[in-house]
């Protein structure tokens, strides 16, 4: 998904979204697509605080666990 939005290859799980050319508008679009794909609301600040695929995946798992717990 990141490759399509950033239009760069390769994209590794530890590559920083913003260092790859991502910006705030692209981040918003990516987060909407991510929410649709995973079925969990992902706050906008998440990508800024966890800017790699690996970190974002971990954050999504935590968000998913929190939703189940509530």
N, C-alpha and C. Protein backbone atom coordinates (compact mmCIF):
# COMPACT_ATOMS: atom_id res chain seq x y z
N UNK A 1 0.83 -1.19 0.00
CA UNK A 1 0.00 0.00 0.00
C UNK A 1 0.88 1.26 0.00
N UNK A 2 1.95 1.25 0.80
CA UNK A 2 2.81 2.42 0.87
C UNK A 2 3.45 2.72 -0.47
N UNK A 3 3.84 1.67 -1.20
CA UNK A 3 4.46 1.87 -2.52
C UNK A 3 3.52 2.63 -3.44
N UNK A 4 2.25 2.27 -3.41
CA UNK A 4 1.27 2.92 -4.28
C UNK A 4 1.09 4.39 -3.91
N UNK A 5 1.06 4.69 -2.64
CA UNK A 5 0.85 6.07 -2.21
C UNK A 5 2.11 6.92 -2.37
N UNK A 6 3.25 6.34 -2.05
CA UNK A 6 4.50 7.10 -2.11
C UNK A 6 5.15 7.08 -3.49
N UNK A 7 4.74 6.11 -4.30
CA UNK A 7 5.30 5.94 -5.65
C UNK A 7 6.82 5.77 -5.61
N UNK A 8 7.27 4.94 -4.66
CA UNK A 8 8.68 4.59 -4.55
C UNK A 8 8.80 3.09 -4.33
N UNK A 9 9.92 2.55 -4.75
CA UNK A 9 10.24 1.15 -4.50
C UNK A 9 11.72 1.05 -4.26
N UNK A 10 12.17 0.17 -3.46
CA UNK A 10 11.39 -0.66 -2.56
C UNK A 10 11.01 0.11 -1.30
N UNK A 11 10.05 -0.43 -0.58
CA UNK A 11 9.67 0.12 0.72
C UNK A 11 9.80 -1.02 1.72
N UNK A 12 10.67 -0.81 2.70
CA UNK A 12 10.88 -1.81 3.73
C UNK A 12 10.04 -1.51 4.96
N UNK A 13 9.87 -2.49 5.81
CA UNK A 13 9.03 -2.32 7.00
C UNK A 13 9.61 -1.33 8.00
N UNK A 14 10.90 -1.04 7.88
CA UNK A 14 11.53 -0.09 8.79
C UNK A 14 11.81 1.26 8.15
N UNK A 15 11.32 1.47 6.93
CA UNK A 15 11.50 2.76 6.26
C UNK A 15 10.50 3.78 6.81
N UNK A 16 10.97 4.99 7.00
CA UNK A 16 10.16 6.07 7.55
C UNK A 16 9.29 6.69 6.45
N UNK A 17 8.00 6.77 6.69
CA UNK A 17 7.04 7.32 5.73
C UNK A 17 7.46 8.70 5.25
N UNK A 18 7.87 9.55 6.16
CA UNK A 18 8.19 10.93 5.82
C UNK A 18 9.54 11.04 5.12
N UNK A 19 10.48 10.19 5.47
CA UNK A 19 11.77 10.18 4.78
C UNK A 19 11.64 9.65 3.35
N UNK A 20 10.59 8.89 3.09
CA UNK A 20 10.34 8.38 1.74
C UNK A 20 9.57 9.38 0.88
N UNK A 21 9.28 10.54 1.44
CA UNK A 21 8.59 11.57 0.68
C UNK A 21 7.15 11.80 1.09
N UNK A 22 6.70 11.11 2.12
CA UNK A 22 5.34 11.29 2.59
C UNK A 22 5.14 12.67 3.21
N UNK A 23 3.92 13.16 3.14
CA UNK A 23 3.58 14.45 3.73
C UNK A 23 2.19 14.35 4.34
N UNK A 24 1.73 15.42 4.97
CA UNK A 24 0.49 15.37 5.75
C UNK A 24 -0.73 14.96 4.93
N UNK A 25 -0.88 15.46 3.73
CA UNK A 25 -2.05 15.10 2.92
C UNK A 25 -2.01 13.64 2.51
N UNK A 26 -0.83 13.18 2.16
CA UNK A 26 -0.65 11.78 1.79
C UNK A 26 -0.88 10.88 3.01
N UNK A 27 -0.44 11.34 4.17
CA UNK A 27 -0.64 10.59 5.41
C UNK A 27 -2.13 10.42 5.69
N UNK A 28 -2.90 11.47 5.50
CA UNK A 28 -4.34 11.39 5.74
C UNK A 28 -4.98 10.37 4.80
N UNK A 29 -4.62 10.40 3.53
CA UNK A 29 -5.17 9.44 2.57
C UNK A 29 -4.77 8.01 2.93
N UNK A 30 -3.51 7.84 3.30
CA UNK A 30 -3.02 6.51 3.66
C UNK A 30 -3.73 5.97 4.89
N UNK A 31 -3.97 6.83 5.87
CA UNK A 31 -4.64 6.38 7.09
C UNK A 31 -6.09 5.98 6.82
N UNK A 32 -6.77 6.69 5.94
CA UNK A 32 -8.14 6.31 5.57
C UNK A 32 -8.12 4.93 4.91
N UNK A 33 -7.19 4.72 4.00
CA UNK A 33 -7.09 3.42 3.33
C UNK A 33 -6.72 2.32 4.32
N UNK A 34 -5.85 2.65 5.26
CA UNK A 34 -5.44 1.68 6.28
C UNK A 34 -6.63 1.31 7.16
N UNK A 35 -7.40 2.30 7.57
CA UNK A 35 -8.59 2.02 8.39
C UNK A 35 -9.55 1.10 7.66
N UNK A 36 -9.75 1.35 6.39
CA UNK A 36 -10.65 0.49 5.59
C UNK A 36 -10.10 -0.93 5.52
N UNK A 37 -8.80 -1.04 5.36
CA UNK A 37 -8.18 -2.36 5.21
C UNK A 37 -8.19 -3.17 6.49
N UNK A 38 -7.98 -2.51 7.63
CA UNK A 38 -7.85 -3.25 8.89
C UNK A 38 -9.10 -3.19 9.76
N UNK A 39 -10.02 -2.28 9.43
CA UNK A 39 -11.27 -2.20 10.19
C UNK A 39 -11.12 -1.61 11.58
N UNK A 40 -10.09 -0.80 11.77
CA UNK A 40 -9.84 -0.16 13.06
C UNK A 40 -9.58 1.32 12.82
N UNK A 41 -10.17 2.18 13.67
CA UNK A 41 -9.90 3.61 13.56
C UNK A 41 -8.45 3.87 13.96
N UNK A 42 -7.72 4.54 13.09
CA UNK A 42 -6.31 4.87 13.35
C UNK A 42 -6.21 6.39 13.45
N UNK A 43 -5.98 6.92 14.65
CA UNK A 43 -5.88 8.37 14.81
C UNK A 43 -4.77 8.96 13.93
N UNK A 44 -4.97 10.19 13.50
CA UNK A 44 -4.02 10.85 12.60
C UNK A 44 -2.62 10.92 13.19
N UNK A 45 -2.52 11.08 14.48
CA UNK A 45 -1.20 11.20 15.11
C UNK A 45 -0.40 9.90 15.07
N UNK A 46 -1.07 8.79 14.84
CA UNK A 46 -0.40 7.50 14.88
C UNK A 46 0.75 7.42 13.88
N UNK A 47 0.52 7.84 12.66
CA UNK A 47 1.56 7.75 11.64
C UNK A 47 2.72 8.69 11.94
N UNK A 48 2.44 9.80 12.59
CA UNK A 48 3.51 10.73 12.95
C UNK A 48 4.38 10.16 14.07
N UNK A 49 3.75 9.43 14.98
CA UNK A 49 4.48 8.86 16.11
C UNK A 49 5.09 7.50 15.78
N UNK A 50 4.48 6.78 14.85
CA UNK A 50 4.97 5.47 14.42
C UNK A 50 5.08 5.49 12.89
N UNK A 51 6.12 6.11 12.35
CA UNK A 51 6.19 6.36 10.91
C UNK A 51 6.72 5.21 10.04
N UNK A 52 6.92 4.04 10.61
CA UNK A 52 7.35 2.91 9.79
C UNK A 52 6.22 1.88 9.73
N UNK A 53 6.27 1.01 8.75
CA UNK A 53 5.25 -0.03 8.62
C UNK A 53 5.25 -0.91 9.87
N UNK A 54 6.42 -1.27 10.34
CA UNK A 54 6.51 -2.14 11.52
C UNK A 54 5.90 -1.47 12.74
N UNK A 55 6.22 -0.20 12.95
CA UNK A 55 5.68 0.52 14.10
C UNK A 55 4.18 0.74 13.96
N UNK A 56 3.74 1.05 12.76
CA UNK A 56 2.31 1.27 12.52
C UNK A 56 1.53 -0.02 12.74
N UNK A 57 2.07 -1.14 12.28
CA UNK A 57 1.41 -2.43 12.48
C UNK A 57 1.27 -2.74 13.97
N UNK A 58 2.31 -2.45 14.73
CA UNK A 58 2.25 -2.67 16.17
C UNK A 58 1.19 -1.77 16.81
N UNK A 59 1.14 -0.52 16.38
CA UNK A 59 0.14 0.42 16.91
C UNK A 59 -1.27 -0.04 16.57
N UNK A 60 -1.45 -0.56 15.36
CA UNK A 60 -2.77 -1.04 14.95
C UNK A 60 -3.19 -2.24 15.79
N UNK A 61 -2.26 -3.13 16.06
CA UNK A 61 -2.58 -4.28 16.92
C UNK A 61 -3.00 -3.81 18.31
N UNK A 62 -2.33 -2.80 18.83
CA UNK A 62 -2.69 -2.26 20.14
C UNK A 62 -4.07 -1.60 20.09
N UNK A 63 -4.34 -0.85 19.03
CA UNK A 63 -5.66 -0.22 18.87
C UNK A 63 -6.75 -1.28 18.76
N UNK A 64 -6.46 -2.34 18.03
CA UNK A 64 -7.42 -3.43 17.88
C UNK A 64 -7.71 -4.08 19.24
N UNK A 65 -6.67 -4.30 20.02
CA UNK A 65 -6.83 -4.89 21.34
C UNK A 65 -7.64 -3.98 22.26
N UNK A 66 -7.41 -2.68 22.16
CA UNK A 66 -8.16 -1.72 22.97
C UNK A 66 -9.63 -1.72 22.59
N UNK A 67 -9.93 -1.83 21.29
CA UNK A 67 -11.33 -1.87 20.85
C UNK A 67 -12.03 -3.11 21.36
N UNK A 68 -11.34 -4.22 21.36
CA UNK A 68 -11.92 -5.47 21.84
C UNK A 68 -12.14 -5.39 23.34
N UNK A 69 -11.24 -4.71 24.05
CA UNK A 69 -11.33 -4.60 25.49
C UNK A 69 -12.40 -3.65 25.98
N UNK A 70 -12.93 -2.81 25.09
CA UNK A 70 -13.95 -1.84 25.53
C UNK A 70 -15.34 -2.30 25.24
